[in-house]
């Protein structure tokens, strides 16, 4: 049980990092959020692949890994978008001081 959790975290971290590398542009998210997105993508992708009947094949499960990485790209993009919500002030500018 503990081994499955550890391998899930390691596999999720790898999937998340690959997803982040494949996503074009700069993502202002932490490594922890990348790993969390990867763990979710690996878990949901594995469930989806099993549901589609390609979760367990002879040799390397390329289709399952492709689904997981595609989900990781999507999840990293979503986390980056949620983290960069615009507050109404463009970056690098300050609000004017009120006059007295």
C-alpha atoms as a PDB file:
ATOM      1  CA  UNK A   1       0.000   0.000   0.000  1.00  0.00           C
ATOM      2  CA  UNK A   2       2.729   2.453   0.987  1.00  0.00           C
ATOM      3  CA  UNK A   3       4.751   1.456  -2.066  1.00  0.00           C
ATOM      4  CA  UNK A   4       1.795   2.195  -4.352  1.00  0.00           C
ATOM      5  CA  UNK A   5       1.401   5.650  -2.811  1.00  0.00           C
ATOM      6  CA  UNK A   6       5.114   6.422  -3.174  1.00  0.00           C
ATOM      7  CA  UNK A   7       5.163   5.242  -6.795  1.00  0.00           C
ATOM      8  CA  UNK A   8       2.006   7.256  -7.459  1.00  0.00           C
ATOM      9  CA  UNK A   9       3.715  10.392  -6.186  1.00  0.00           C
ATOM     10  CA  UNK A  10       6.905   9.716  -8.150  1.00  0.00           C
ATOM     11  CA  UNK A  11       4.985   8.844 -11.335  1.00  0.00           C
ATOM     12  CA  UNK A  12       2.707  11.845 -10.885  1.00  0.00           C
ATOM     13  CA  UNK A  13       5.694  14.141 -10.427  1.00  0.00           C
ATOM     14  CA  UNK A  14       7.260  12.846 -13.643  1.00  0.00           C
ATOM     15  CA  UNK A  15       3.979  13.158 -15.567  1.00  0.00           C
ATOM     16  CA  UNK A  16       3.452  16.685 -14.208  1.00  0.00           C
ATOM     17  CA  UNK A  17       6.960  17.809 -15.148  1.00  0.00           C
ATOM     18  CA  UNK A  18       6.611  16.370 -18.660  1.00  0.00           C
ATOM     19  CA  UNK A  19       3.247  18.107 -19.009  1.00  0.00           C
ATOM     20  CA  UNK A  20       4.797  21.395 -17.883  1.00  0.00           C
ATOM     21  CA  UNK A  21       7.679  21.001 -20.342  1.00  0.00           C
ATOM     22  CA  UNK A  22       5.275  20.356 -23.217  1.00  0.00           C
ATOM     23  CA  UNK A  23       3.107  23.369 -22.387  1.00  0.00           C
ATOM     24  CA  UNK A  24       4.372  26.363 -24.370  1.00  0.00           C
ATOM     25  CA  UNK A  25       5.232  29.581 -22.563  1.00  0.00           C
ATOM     26  CA  UNK A  26       6.139  30.274 -18.962  1.00  0.00           C
ATOM     27  CA  UNK A  27       3.943  28.968 -16.180  1.00  0.00           C
ATOM     28  CA  UNK A  28       4.127  30.852 -12.905  1.00  0.00           C
ATOM     29  CA  UNK A  29       3.239  27.918 -10.679  1.00  0.00           C
ATOM     30  CA  UNK A  30       5.222  26.173  -7.994  1.00  0.00           C
ATOM     31  CA  UNK A  31       6.844  22.800  -8.347  1.00  0.00           C
ATOM     32  CA  UNK A  32       4.442  21.483  -5.719  1.00  0.00           C
ATOM     33  CA  UNK A  33       1.432  22.499  -7.820  1.00  0.00           C
ATOM     34  CA  UNK A  34       3.071  20.891 -10.864  1.00  0.00           C
ATOM     35  CA  UNK A  35       3.439  17.636  -8.916  1.00  0.00           C
ATOM     36  CA  UNK A  36      -0.154  17.831  -7.640  1.00  0.00           C
ATOM     37  CA  UNK A  37      -1.414  18.411 -11.197  1.00  0.00           C
ATOM     38  CA  UNK A  38       0.704  15.438 -12.345  1.00  0.00           C
ATOM     39  CA  UNK A  39      -0.619  13.154  -9.617  1.00  0.00           C
ATOM     40  CA  UNK A  40      -4.197  14.053 -10.530  1.00  0.00           C
ATOM     41  CA  UNK A  41      -3.463  13.601 -14.233  1.00  0.00           C
ATOM     42  CA  UNK A  42      -1.783  10.223 -13.666  1.00  0.00           C
ATOM     43  CA  UNK A  43      -4.648   8.985 -11.506  1.00  0.00           C
ATOM     44  CA  UNK A  44      -7.476  10.197 -13.732  1.00  0.00           C
ATOM     45  CA  UNK A  45      -5.585   9.173 -16.879  1.00  0.00           C
ATOM     46  CA  UNK A  46      -5.054   5.663 -15.505  1.00  0.00           C
ATOM     47  CA  UNK A  47      -8.744   5.351 -14.656  1.00  0.00           C
ATOM     48  CA  UNK A  48      -9.723   6.665 -18.098  1.00  0.00           C
ATOM     49  CA  UNK A  49      -7.320   4.271 -19.854  1.00  0.00           C
ATOM     50  CA  UNK A  50      -8.705   1.322 -17.892  1.00  0.00           C
ATOM     51  CA  UNK A  51     -12.243   2.390 -18.760  1.00  0.00           C
ATOM     52  CA  UNK A  52     -11.238   2.557 -22.450  1.00  0.00           C
ATOM     53  CA  UNK A  53      -9.628  -0.901 -22.215  1.00  0.00           C
ATOM     54  CA  UNK A  54      -6.031   0.226 -22.788  1.00  0.00           C
ATOM     55  CA  UNK A  55      -4.881   0.505 -19.179  1.00  0.00           C
ATOM     56  CA  UNK A  56      -3.018  -2.801 -19.118  1.00  0.00           C
ATOM     57  CA  UNK A  57      -1.334  -3.992 -22.299  1.00  0.00           C
ATOM     58  CA  UNK A  58       1.673  -6.168 -23.085  1.00  0.00           C
ATOM     59  CA  UNK A  59       4.825  -4.104 -22.772  1.00  0.00           C
ATOM     60  CA  UNK A  60       4.721  -0.369 -22.200  1.00  0.00           C
ATOM     61  CA  UNK A  61       1.274   1.199 -21.920  1.00  0.00           C
ATOM     62  CA  UNK A  62       1.890   4.009 -24.431  1.00  0.00           C
ATOM     63  CA  UNK A  63      -1.755   5.003 -24.818  1.00  0.00           C
ATOM     64  CA  UNK A  64      -2.258   5.240 -21.049  1.00  0.00           C
ATOM     65  CA  UNK A  65       0.871   7.378 -20.694  1.00  0.00           C
ATOM     66  CA  UNK A  66      -0.206   9.620 -23.576  1.00  0.00           C
ATOM     67  CA  UNK A  67      -3.581  10.182 -21.897  1.00  0.00           C
ATOM     68  CA  UNK A  68      -1.866  10.970 -18.593  1.00  0.00           C
ATOM     69  CA  UNK A  69       0.543  13.445 -20.169  1.00  0.00           C
ATOM     70  CA  UNK A  70      -2.244  15.150 -22.148  1.00  0.00           C
ATOM     71  CA  UNK A  71      -4.213  15.548 -18.910  1.00  0.00           C
ATOM     72  CA  UNK A  72      -1.091  16.868 -17.168  1.00  0.00           C
ATOM     73  CA  UNK A  73      -0.704  19.564 -19.832  1.00  0.00           C
ATOM     74  CA  UNK A  74      -4.358  20.494 -19.341  1.00  0.00           C
ATOM     75  CA  UNK A  75      -4.128  20.537 -15.529  1.00  0.00           C
ATOM     76  CA  UNK A  76      -0.886  22.558 -15.467  1.00  0.00           C
ATOM     77  CA  UNK A  77      -2.483  25.052 -17.856  1.00  0.00           C
ATOM     78  CA  UNK A  78      -5.588  25.284 -15.652  1.00  0.00           C
ATOM     79  CA  UNK A  79      -3.524  25.794 -12.487  1.00  0.00           C
ATOM     80  CA  UNK A  80      -1.431  28.470 -14.220  1.00  0.00           C
ATOM     81  CA  UNK A  81      -4.589  30.249 -15.422  1.00  0.00           C
ATOM     82  CA  UNK A  82      -6.199  30.137 -11.982  1.00  0.00           C
ATOM     83  CA  UNK A  83      -3.023  31.479 -10.374  1.00  0.00           C
ATOM     84  CA  UNK A  84      -2.714  34.423 -12.742  1.00  0.00           C
ATOM     85  CA  UNK A  85      -6.165  35.892 -12.346  1.00  0.00           C
ATOM     86  CA  UNK A  86      -6.107  39.544 -13.194  1.00  0.00           C
ATOM     87  CA  UNK A  87      -6.792  41.874 -10.280  1.00  0.00           C
ATOM     88  CA  UNK A  88      -7.569  44.782 -12.566  1.00  0.00           C
ATOM     89  CA  UNK A  89      -4.106  46.316 -12.315  1.00  0.00           C
ATOM     90  CA  UNK A  90      -1.556  45.434 -14.996  1.00  0.00           C
ATOM     91  CA  UNK A  91       1.624  43.841 -13.685  1.00  0.00           C
ATOM     92  CA  UNK A  92       4.428  46.250 -12.964  1.00  0.00           C
ATOM     93  CA  UNK A  93       2.143  49.187 -12.276  1.00  0.00           C
ATOM     94  CA  UNK A  94       0.979  50.630  -9.018  1.00  0.00           C
ATOM     95  CA  UNK A  95      -2.282  52.154  -8.028  1.00  0.00           C
ATOM     96  CA  UNK A  96      -2.242  55.959  -7.908  1.00  0.00           C
ATOM     97  CA  UNK A  97      -2.149  57.495  -4.470  1.00  0.00           C
ATOM     98  CA  UNK A  98      -5.267  59.325  -3.414  1.00  0.00           C
ATOM     99  CA  UNK A  99      -4.935  63.086  -3.278  1.00  0.00           C
ATOM    100  CA  UNK A 100      -5.705  64.888  -0.063  1.00  0.00           C
END
